[in-house]
Amino acid sequence: MDPLEQQLNEALARVDAPAGFAARVNAAARPPTWRNPALAAGLMLLAVGGSLAWRRHQGEVAREQVMTAMRITAGKLNRIHTHIRETRP
């Protein structure tokens, strides 16, 4: 066997996991537990408050867009009305 192949076989040989490895992996994979209910409640209030603020902001943006559209429409209608009044005999 070639020395390179021997090194590869040694490097890739199966090695048993150290004692307690599975327990450490399972402990690390467990989701965190909420130990402070006040912190959990605060985070929930923050999330709800942020959501409500975002909805209000979206409503204000929509209102501004509607008002801009109304101003443009009113201007065009006034021009058409003036044009019709001027062209009538």
PDB file of N, CA and C in Angstrom:
ATOM      1  N   MET A   1       0.849  -1.173   0.000  1.00  0.00           N
ATOM      2  CA  MET A   1       0.000   0.000   0.000  1.00  0.00           C
ATOM      3  C   MET A   1       0.895   1.237   0.000  1.00  0.00           C
ATOM      4  N   ASP A   2       0.532   2.151  -0.766  1.00  0.00           N
ATOM      5  CA  ASP A   2       1.228   3.431  -0.935  1.00  0.00           C
ATOM      6  C   ASP A   2       1.148   4.239   0.376  1.00  0.00           C
ATOM      7  N   PRO A   3       2.182   4.995   0.750  1.00  0.00           N
ATOM      8  CA  PRO A   3       2.146   5.765   2.009  1.00  0.00           C
ATOM      9  C   PRO A   3       1.001   6.787   2.041  1.00  0.00           C
ATOM     10  N   LEU A   4       0.657   7.357   0.896  1.00  0.00           N
ATOM     11  CA  LEU A   4      -0.447   8.314   0.844  1.00  0.00           C
ATOM     12  C   LEU A   4      -1.771   7.622   1.162  1.00  0.00           C
ATOM     13  N   GLU A   5      -1.974   6.441   0.596  1.00  0.00           N
ATOM     14  CA  GLU A   5      -3.193   5.682   0.870  1.00  0.00           C
ATOM     15  C   GLU A   5      -3.263   5.296   2.348  1.00  0.00           C
ATOM     16  N   GLN A   6      -2.121   4.921   2.903  1.00  0.00           N
ATOM     17  CA  GLN A   6      -2.092   4.545   4.317  1.00  0.00           C
ATOM     18  C   GLN A   6      -2.445   5.748   5.198  1.00  0.00           C
ATOM     19  N   GLN A   7      -1.921   6.928   4.869  1.00  0.00           N
ATOM     20  CA  GLN A   7      -2.255   8.136   5.624  1.00  0.00           C
ATOM     21  C   GLN A   7      -3.749   8.467   5.504  1.00  0.00           C
ATOM     22  N   LEU A   8      -4.275   8.306   4.299  1.00  0.00           N
ATOM     23  CA  LEU A   8      -5.704   8.555   4.104  1.00  0.00           C
ATOM     24  C   LEU A   8      -6.543   7.575   4.923  1.00  0.00           C
ATOM     25  N   ASN A   9      -6.192   6.310   4.905  1.00  0.00           N
ATOM     26  CA  ASN A   9      -6.933   5.317   5.681  1.00  0.00           C
ATOM     27  C   ASN A   9      -6.890   5.642   7.172  1.00  0.00           C
ATOM     28  N   GLU A  10      -5.740   6.062   7.665  1.00  0.00           N
ATOM     29  CA  GLU A  10      -5.626   6.407   9.083  1.00  0.00           C
ATOM     30  C   GLU A  10      -6.437   7.664   9.413  1.00  0.00           C
ATOM     31  N   ALA A  11      -6.397   8.648   8.511  1.00  0.00           N
ATOM     32  CA  ALA A  11      -7.122   9.897   8.755  1.00  0.00           C
ATOM     33  C   ALA A  11      -8.633   9.694   8.687  1.00  0.00           C
ATOM     34  N   LEU A  12      -9.068   8.774   7.820  1.00  0.00           N
ATOM     35  CA  LEU A  12     -10.504   8.560   7.635  1.00  0.00           C
ATOM     36  C   LEU A  12     -11.035   7.367   8.415  1.00  0.00           C
ATOM     37  N   ALA A  13     -10.237   6.807   9.281  1.00  0.00           N
ATOM     38  CA  ALA A  13     -10.671   5.636  10.057  1.00  0.00           C
ATOM     39  C   ALA A  13     -11.769   6.046  11.027  1.00  0.00           C
ATOM     40  N   ARG A  14     -12.683   5.127  11.290  1.00  0.00           N
ATOM     41  CA  ARG A  14     -13.800   5.378  12.202  1.00  0.00           C
ATOM     42  C   ARG A  14     -13.270   5.490  13.631  1.00  0.00           C
ATOM     43  N   VAL A  15     -13.750   6.517  14.336  1.00  0.00           N
ATOM     44  CA  VAL A  15     -13.362   6.742  15.728  1.00  0.00           C
ATOM     45  C   VAL A  15     -14.645   6.880  16.533  1.00  0.00           C
ATOM     46  N   ASP A  16     -14.714   6.180  17.673  1.00  0.00           N
ATOM     47  CA  ASP A  16     -15.895   6.278  18.525  1.00  0.00           C
ATOM     48  C   ASP A  16     -15.967   7.659  19.172  1.00  0.00           C
ATOM     49  N   ALA A  17     -17.189   8.126  19.353  1.00  0.00           N
ATOM     50  CA  ALA A  17     -17.405   9.430  19.993  1.00  0.00           C
ATOM     51  C   ALA A  17     -17.020   9.343  21.464  1.00  0.00           C
ATOM     52  N   PRO A  18     -16.537  10.438  22.033  1.00  0.00           N
ATOM     53  CA  PRO A  18     -16.177  10.416  23.457  1.00  0.00           C
ATOM     54  C   PRO A  18     -17.416  10.223  24.327  1.00  0.00           C
ATOM     55  N   ALA A  19     -17.185   9.797  25.546  1.00  0.00           N
ATOM     56  CA  ALA A  19     -18.294   9.547  26.483  1.00  0.00           C
ATOM     57  C   ALA A  19     -19.052  10.846  26.737  1.00  0.00           C
ATOM     58  N   GLY A  20     -20.378  10.773  26.729  1.00  0.00           N
ATOM     59  CA  GLY A  20     -21.216  11.937  27.002  1.00  0.00           C
ATOM     60  C   GLY A  20     -21.449  12.839  25.805  1.00  0.00           C
ATOM     61  N   PHE A  21     -20.948  12.475  24.649  1.00  0.00           N
ATOM     62  CA  PHE A  21     -21.093  13.312  23.459  1.00  0.00           C
ATOM     63  C   PHE A  21     -22.559  13.472  23.070  1.00  0.00           C
ATOM     64  N   ALA A  22     -23.300  12.365  23.052  1.00  0.00           N
ATOM     65  CA  ALA A  22     -24.718  12.416  22.663  1.00  0.00           C
ATOM     66  C   ALA A  22     -25.514  13.289  23.631  1.00  0.00           C
ATOM     67  N   ALA A  23     -25.228  13.205  24.899  1.00  0.00           N
ATOM     68  CA  ALA A  23     -25.947  14.019  25.885  1.00  0.00           C
ATOM     69  C   ALA A  23     -25.659  15.499  25.684  1.00  0.00           C
ATOM     70  N   ARG A  24     -24.407  15.846  25.379  1.00  0.00           N
ATOM     71  CA  ARG A  24     -24.059  17.256  25.147  1.00  0.00           C
ATOM     72  C   ARG A  24     -24.743  17.790  23.892  1.00  0.00           C
ATOM     73  N   VAL A  25     -24.802  16.967  22.844  1.00  0.00           N
ATOM     74  CA  VAL A  25     -25.461  17.402  21.607  1.00  0.00           C
ATOM     75  C   VAL A  25     -26.952  17.603  21.850  1.00  0.00           C
ATOM     76  N   ASN A  26     -27.585  16.678  22.548  1.00  0.00           N
ATOM     77  CA  ASN A  26     -29.014  16.810  22.841  1.00  0.00           C
ATOM     78  C   ASN A  26     -29.293  18.024  23.716  1.00  0.00           C
ATOM     79  N   ALA A  27     -28.429  18.296  24.665  1.00  0.00           N
ATOM     80  CA  ALA A  27     -28.622  19.459  25.542  1.00  0.00           C
ATOM     81  C   ALA A  27     -28.492  20.758  24.752  1.00  0.00           C
ATOM     82  N   ALA A  28     -27.567  20.793  23.820  1.00  0.00           N
ATOM     83  CA  ALA A  28     -27.378  22.001  23.017  1.00  0.00           C
ATOM     84  C   ALA A  28     -28.513  22.195  22.018  1.00  0.00           C
ATOM     85  N   ALA A  29     -29.147  21.116  21.592  1.00  0.00           N
ATOM     86  CA  ALA A  29     -30.203  21.201  20.584  1.00  0.00           C
ATOM     87  C   ALA A  29     -31.559  21.547  21.184  1.00  0.00           C
ATOM     88  N   ARG A  30     -31.715  21.443  22.493  1.00  0.00           N
ATOM     89  CA  ARG A  30     -32.986  21.755  23.138  1.00  0.00           C
ATOM     90  C   ARG A  30     -33.300  23.239  23.023  1.00  0.00           C
ATOM     91  N   PRO A  31     -34.554  23.600  22.750  1.00  0.00           N
ATOM     92  CA  PRO A  31     -34.886  25.028  22.688  1.00  0.00           C
ATOM     93  C   PRO A  31     -34.757  25.661  24.069  1.00  0.00           C
ATOM     94  N   PRO A  32     -34.447  26.941  24.122  1.00  0.00           N
ATOM     95  CA  PRO A  32     -34.292  27.588  25.424  1.00  0.00           C
ATOM     96  C   PRO A  32     -35.632  27.667  26.155  1.00  0.00           C
ATOM     97  N   THR A  33     -35.584  27.592  27.445  1.00  0.00           N
ATOM     98  CA  THR A  33     -36.808  27.716  28.239  1.00  0.00           C
ATOM     99  C   THR A  33     -36.895  29.150  28.745  1.00  0.00           C
ATOM    100  N   TRP A  34     -38.099  29.662  28.813  1.00  0.00           N
ATOM    101  CA  TRP A  34     -38.294  31.024  29.310  1.00  0.00           C
ATOM    102  C   TRP A  34     -38.295  30.978  30.829  1.00  0.00           C
ATOM    103  N   ARG A  35     -37.266  31.510  31.416  1.00  0.00           N
ATOM    104  CA  ARG A  35     -37.153  31.493  32.871  1.00  0.00           C
ATOM    105  C   ARG A  35     -37.722  32.768  33.485  1.00  0.00           C
ATOM    106  N   ASN A  36     -37.878  33.788  32.667  1.00  0.00           N
ATOM    107  CA  ASN A  36     -38.374  35.048  33.192  1.00  0.00           C
ATOM    108  C   ASN A  36     -39.670  35.396  32.463  1.00  0.00           C
ATOM    109  N   PRO A  37     -40.828  35.165  33.088  1.00  0.00           N
ATOM    110  CA  PRO A  37     -42.106  35.464  32.438  1.00  0.00           C
ATOM    111  C   PRO A  37     -42.263  36.944  32.095  1.00  0.00           C
ATOM    112  N   ALA A  38     -41.661  37.825  32.891  1.00  0.00           N
ATOM    113  CA  ALA A  38     -41.761  39.259  32.601  1.00  0.00           C
ATOM    114  C   ALA A  38     -41.051  39.577  31.289  1.00  0.00           C
ATOM    115  N   LEU A  39     -39.932  38.933  31.044  1.00  0.00           N
ATOM    116  CA  LEU A  39     -39.209  39.136  29.792  1.00  0.00           C
ATOM    117  C   LEU A  39     -40.047  38.653  28.617  1.00  0.00           C
ATOM    118  N   ALA A  40     -40.664  37.493  28.768  1.00  0.00           N
ATOM    119  CA  ALA A  40     -41.515  36.953  27.701  1.00  0.00           C
ATOM    120  C   ALA A  40     -42.688  37.883  27.434  1.00  0.00           C
ATOM    121  N   ALA A  41     -43.315  38.396  28.492  1.00  0.00           N
ATOM    122  CA  ALA A  41     -44.448  39.312  28.328  1.00  0.00           C
ATOM    123  C   ALA A  41     -43.998  40.609  27.667  1.00  0.00           C
ATOM    124  N   GLY A  42     -42.847  41.101  28.056  1.00  0.00           N
ATOM    125  CA  GLY A  42     -42.314  42.324  27.445  1.00  0.00           C
ATOM    126  C   GLY A  42     -42.046  42.149  25.960  1.00  0.00           C
ATOM    127  N   LEU A  43     -41.482  41.015  25.602  1.00  0.00           N
ATOM    128  CA  LEU A  43     -41.226  40.753  24.185  1.00  0.00           C
ATOM    129  C   LEU A  43     -42.519  40.647  23.392  1.00  0.00           C
ATOM    130  N   MET A  44     -43.532  40.032  23.988  1.00  0.00           N
ATOM    131  CA  MET A  44     -44.830  39.937  23.304  1.00  0.00           C
ATOM    132  C   MET A  44     -45.441  41.326  23.115  1.00  0.00           C
ATOM    133  N   LEU A  45     -45.383  42.166  24.142  1.00  0.00           N
ATOM    134  CA  LEU A  45     -45.920  43.526  24.018  1.00  0.00           C
ATOM    135  C   LEU A  45     -45.160  44.322  22.971  1.00  0.00           C
ATOM    136  N   LEU A  46     -43.866  44.141  22.930  1.00  0.00           N
ATOM    137  CA  LEU A  46     -43.057  44.824  21.927  1.00  0.00           C
ATOM    138  C   LEU A  46     -43.448  44.386  20.516  1.00  0.00           C
ATOM    139  N   ALA A  47     -43.655  43.101  20.328  1.00  0.00           N
ATOM    140  CA  ALA A  47     -44.039  42.588  19.015  1.00  0.00           C
ATOM    141  C   ALA A  47     -45.415  43.105  18.603  1.00  0.00           C
ATOM    142  N   VAL A  48     -46.367  43.081  19.536  1.00  0.00           N
ATOM    143  CA  VAL A  48     -47.721  43.557  19.222  1.00  0.00           C
ATOM    144  C   VAL A  48     -47.700  45.060  18.951  1.00  0.00           C
ATOM    145  N   GLY A  49     -46.990  45.799  19.780  1.00  0.00           N
ATOM    146  CA  GLY A  49     -46.899  47.249  19.587  1.00  0.00           C
ATOM    147  C   GLY A  49     -46.252  47.605  18.259  1.00  0.00           C
ATOM    148  N   GLY A  50     -45.200  46.895  17.901  1.00  0.00           N
ATOM    149  CA  GLY A  50     -44.544  47.138  16.621  1.00  0.00           C
ATOM    150  C   GLY A  50     -45.463  46.835  15.454  1.00  0.00           C
ATOM    151  N   SER A  51     -46.234  45.778  15.593  1.00  0.00           N
ATOM    152  CA  SER A  51     -47.170  45.406  14.532  1.00  0.00           C
ATOM    153  C   SER A  51     -48.241  46.478  14.361  1.00  0.00           C
ATOM    154  N   LEU A  52     -48.766  46.977  15.468  1.00  0.00           N
ATOM    155  CA  LEU A  52     -49.798  48.023  15.393  1.00  0.00           C
ATOM    156  C   LEU A  52     -49.232  49.317  14.811  1.00  0.00           C
ATOM    157  N   ALA A  53     -48.026  49.659  15.191  1.00  0.00           N
ATOM    158  CA  ALA A  53     -47.402  50.872  14.654  1.00  0.00           C
ATOM    159  C   ALA A  53     -47.183  50.738  13.155  1.00  0.00           C
ATOM    160  N   TRP A  54     -46.779  49.561  12.714  1.00  0.00           N
ATOM    161  CA  TRP A  54     -46.562  49.337  11.280  1.00  0.00           C
ATOM    162  C   TRP A  54     -47.873  49.464  10.520  1.00  0.00           C
ATOM    163  N   ARG A  55     -48.949  48.905  11.043  1.00  0.00           N
ATOM    164  CA  ARG A  55     -50.262  49.003  10.381  1.00  0.00           C
ATOM    165  C   ARG A  55     -50.711  50.454  10.297  1.00  0.00           C
ATOM    166  N   ARG A  56     -50.488  51.216  11.366  1.00  0.00           N
ATOM    167  CA  ARG A  56     -50.870  52.633  11.345  1.00  0.00           C
ATOM    168  C   ARG A  56     -50.065  53.375  10.289  1.00  0.00           C
ATOM    169  N   HIS A  57     -48.784  53.102  10.224  1.00  0.00           N
ATOM    170  CA  HIS A  57     -47.929  53.736   9.219  1.00  0.00           C
ATOM    171  C   HIS A  57     -48.418  53.411   7.813  1.00  0.00           C
ATOM    172  N   GLN A  58     -48.757  52.150   7.577  1.00  0.00           N
ATOM    173  CA  GLN A  58     -49.254  51.743   6.260  1.00  0.00           C
ATOM    174  C   GLN A  58     -50.547  52.488   5.926  1.00  0.00           C
ATOM    175  N   GLY A  59     -51.419  52.672   6.915  1.00  0.00           N
ATOM    176  CA  GLY A  59     -52.658  53.411   6.697  1.00  0.00           C
ATOM    177  C   GLY A  59     -52.392  54.861   6.336  1.00  0.00           C
ATOM    178  N   GLU A  60     -51.419  55.469   7.003  1.00  0.00           N
ATOM    179  CA  GLU A  60     -51.078  56.858   6.696  1.00  0.00           C
ATOM    180  C   GLU A  60     -50.497  56.991   5.292  1.00  0.00           C
ATOM    181  N   VAL A  61     -49.674  56.040   4.903  1.00  0.00           N
ATOM    182  CA  VAL A  61     -49.105  56.064   3.550  1.00  0.00           C
ATOM    183  C   VAL A  61     -50.214  55.919   2.515  1.00  0.00           C
ATOM    184  N   ALA A  62     -51.151  55.003   2.758  1.00  0.00           N
ATOM    185  CA  ALA A  62     -52.262  54.805   1.828  1.00  0.00           C
ATOM    186  C   ALA A  62     -53.118  56.069   1.745  1.00  0.00           C
ATOM    187  N   ARG A  63     -53.367  56.711   2.879  1.00  0.00           N
ATOM    188  CA  ARG A  63     -54.163  57.943   2.887  1.00  0.00           C
ATOM    189  C   ARG A  63     -53.484  59.026   2.050  1.00  0.00           C
ATOM    190  N   GLU A  64     -52.185  59.181   2.201  1.00  0.00           N
ATOM    191  CA  GLU A  64     -51.448  60.177   1.411  1.00  0.00           C
ATOM    192  C   GLU A  64     -51.537  59.875  -0.086  1.00  0.00           C
ATOM    193  N   GLN A  65     -51.459  58.606  -0.438  1.00  0.00           N
ATOM    194  CA  GLN A  65     -51.550  58.233  -1.848  1.00  0.00           C
ATOM    195  C   GLN A  65     -52.932  58.550  -2.409  1.00  0.00           C
ATOM    196  N   VAL A  66     -53.967  58.288  -1.625  1.00  0.00           N
ATOM    197  CA  VAL A  66     -55.331  58.590  -2.077  1.00  0.00           C
ATOM    198  C   VAL A  66     -55.511  60.093  -2.231  1.00  0.00           C
ATOM    199  N   MET A  67     -54.998  60.874  -1.289  1.00  0.00           N
ATOM    200  CA  MET A  67     -55.130  62.333  -1.377  1.00  0.00           C
ATOM    201  C   MET A  67     -54.387  62.876  -2.595  1.00  0.00           C
ATOM    202  N   THR A  68     -53.225  62.325  -2.901  1.00  0.00           N
ATOM    203  CA  THR A  68     -52.487  62.752  -4.095  1.00  0.00           C
ATOM    204  C   THR A  68     -53.283  62.419  -5.353  1.00  0.00           C
ATOM    205  N   ALA A  69     -53.857  61.231  -5.404  1.00  0.00           N
ATOM    206  CA  ALA A  69     -54.662  60.847  -6.559  1.00  0.00           C
ATOM    207  C   ALA A  69     -55.872  61.754  -6.701  1.00  0.00           C
ATOM    208  N   MET A  70     -56.499  62.138  -5.588  1.00  0.00           N
ATOM    209  CA  MET A  70     -57.665  63.028  -5.640  1.00  0.00           C
ATOM    210  C   MET A  70     -57.273  64.417  -6.153  1.00  0.00           C
ATOM    211  N   ARG A  71     -56.115  64.925  -5.723  1.00  0.00           N
ATOM    212  CA  ARG A  71     -55.664  66.242  -6.204  1.00  0.00           C
ATOM    213  C   ARG A  71     -55.400  66.206  -7.708  1.00  0.00           C
ATOM    214  N   ILE A  72     -54.759  65.146  -8.166  1.00  0.00           N
ATOM    215  CA  ILE A  72     -54.479  65.029  -9.605  1.00  0.00           C
ATOM    216  C   ILE A  72     -55.787  64.946 -10.381  1.00  0.00           C
ATOM    217  N   THR A  73     -56.713  64.134  -9.900  1.00  0.00           N
ATOM    218  CA  THR A  73     -57.999  63.971 -10.582  1.00  0.00           C
ATOM    219  C   THR A  73     -58.775  65.282 -10.590  1.00  0.00           C
ATOM    220  N   ALA A  74     -58.792  65.990  -9.477  1.00  0.00           N
ATOM    221  CA  ALA A  74     -59.512  67.268  -9.415  1.00  0.00           C
ATOM    222  C   ALA A  74     -58.920  68.268 -10.398  1.00  0.00           C
ATOM    223  N   GLY A  75     -57.606  68.319 -10.497  1.00  0.00           N
ATOM    224  CA  GLY A  75     -56.963  69.232 -11.447  1.00  0.00           C
ATOM    225  C   GLY A  75     -57.332  68.914 -12.887  1.00  0.00           C
ATOM    226  N   LYS A  76     -57.329  67.646 -13.225  1.00  0.00           N
ATOM    227  CA  LYS A  76     -57.672  67.249 -14.596  1.00  0.00           C
ATOM    228  C   LYS A  76     -59.141  67.532 -14.889  1.00  0.00           C
ATOM    229  N   LEU A  77     -60.023  67.254 -13.917  1.00  0.00           N
ATOM    230  CA  LEU A  77     -61.443  67.532 -14.124  1.00  0.00           C
ATOM    231  C   LEU A  77     -61.695  69.028 -14.278  1.00  0.00           C
ATOM    232  N   ASN A  78     -60.989  69.853 -13.525  1.00  0.00           N
ATOM    233  CA  ASN A  78     -61.138  71.309 -13.668  1.00  0.00           C
ATOM    234  C   ASN A  78     -60.704  71.769 -15.056  1.00  0.00           C
ATOM    235  N   ARG A  79     -59.610  71.204 -15.555  1.00  0.00           N
ATOM    236  CA  ARG A  79     -59.166  71.564 -16.911  1.00  0.00           C
ATOM    237  C   ARG A  79     -60.204  71.165 -17.949  1.00  0.00           C
ATOM    238  N   ILE A  80     -60.754  69.975 -17.818  1.00  0.00           N
ATOM    239  CA  ILE A  80     -61.768  69.502 -18.775  1.00  0.00           C
ATOM    240  C   ILE A  80     -63.010  70.389 -18.687  1.00  0.00           C
ATOM    241  N   HIS A  81     -63.430  70.708 -17.459  1.00  0.00           N
ATOM    242  CA  HIS A  81     -64.610  71.555 -17.274  1.00  0.00           C
ATOM    243  C   HIS A  81     -64.391  72.921 -17.903  1.00  0.00           C
ATOM    244  N   THR A  82     -63.217  73.500 -17.697  1.00  0.00           N
ATOM    245  CA  THR A  82     -62.897  74.815 -18.286  1.00  0.00           C
ATOM    246  C   THR A  82     -62.890  74.723 -19.805  1.00  0.00           C
ATOM    247  N   HIS A  83     -62.324  73.666 -20.331  1.00  0.00           N
ATOM    248  CA  HIS A  83     -62.260  73.501 -21.784  1.00  0.00           C
ATOM    249  C   HIS A  83     -63.668  73.387 -22.377  1.00  0.00           C
ATOM    250  N   ILE A  84     -64.537  72.626 -21.726  1.00  0.00           N
ATOM    251  CA  ILE A  84     -65.906  72.460 -22.218  1.00  0.00           C
ATOM    252  C   ILE A  84     -66.648  73.787 -22.143  1.00  0.00           C
ATOM    253  N   ARG A  85     -66.495  74.533 -21.056  1.00  0.00           N
ATOM    254  CA  ARG A  85     -67.185  75.826 -20.911  1.00  0.00           C
ATOM    255  C   ARG A  85     -66.722  76.819 -21.977  1.00  0.00           C
ATOM    256  N   GLU A  86     -65.427  76.791 -22.300  1.00  0.00           N
ATOM    257  CA  GLU A  86     -64.889  77.737 -23.281  1.00  0.00           C
ATOM    258  C   GLU A  86     -65.295  77.371 -24.714  1.00  0.00           C
ATOM    259  N   THR A  87     -65.515  76.105 -24.995  1.00  0.00           N
ATOM    260  CA  THR A  87     -65.833  75.707 -26.364  1.00  0.00           C
ATOM    261  C   THR A  87     -67.331  75.709 -26.650  1.00  0.00           C
ATOM    262  N   ARG A  88     -68.179  75.918 -25.662  1.00  0.00           N
ATOM    263  CA  ARG A  88     -69.622  75.959 -25.896  1.00  0.00           C
ATOM    264  C   ARG A  88     -69.967  77.284 -26.600  1.00  0.00           C
ATOM    265  N   PRO A  89     -70.883  77.198 -27.529  1.00  0.00           N
ATOM    266  CA  PRO A  89     -71.282  78.448 -28.243  1.00  0.00           C
ATOM    267  C   PRO A  89     -72.160  79.331 -27.388  1.00  0.00           C
TER     268      PRO A  89
END
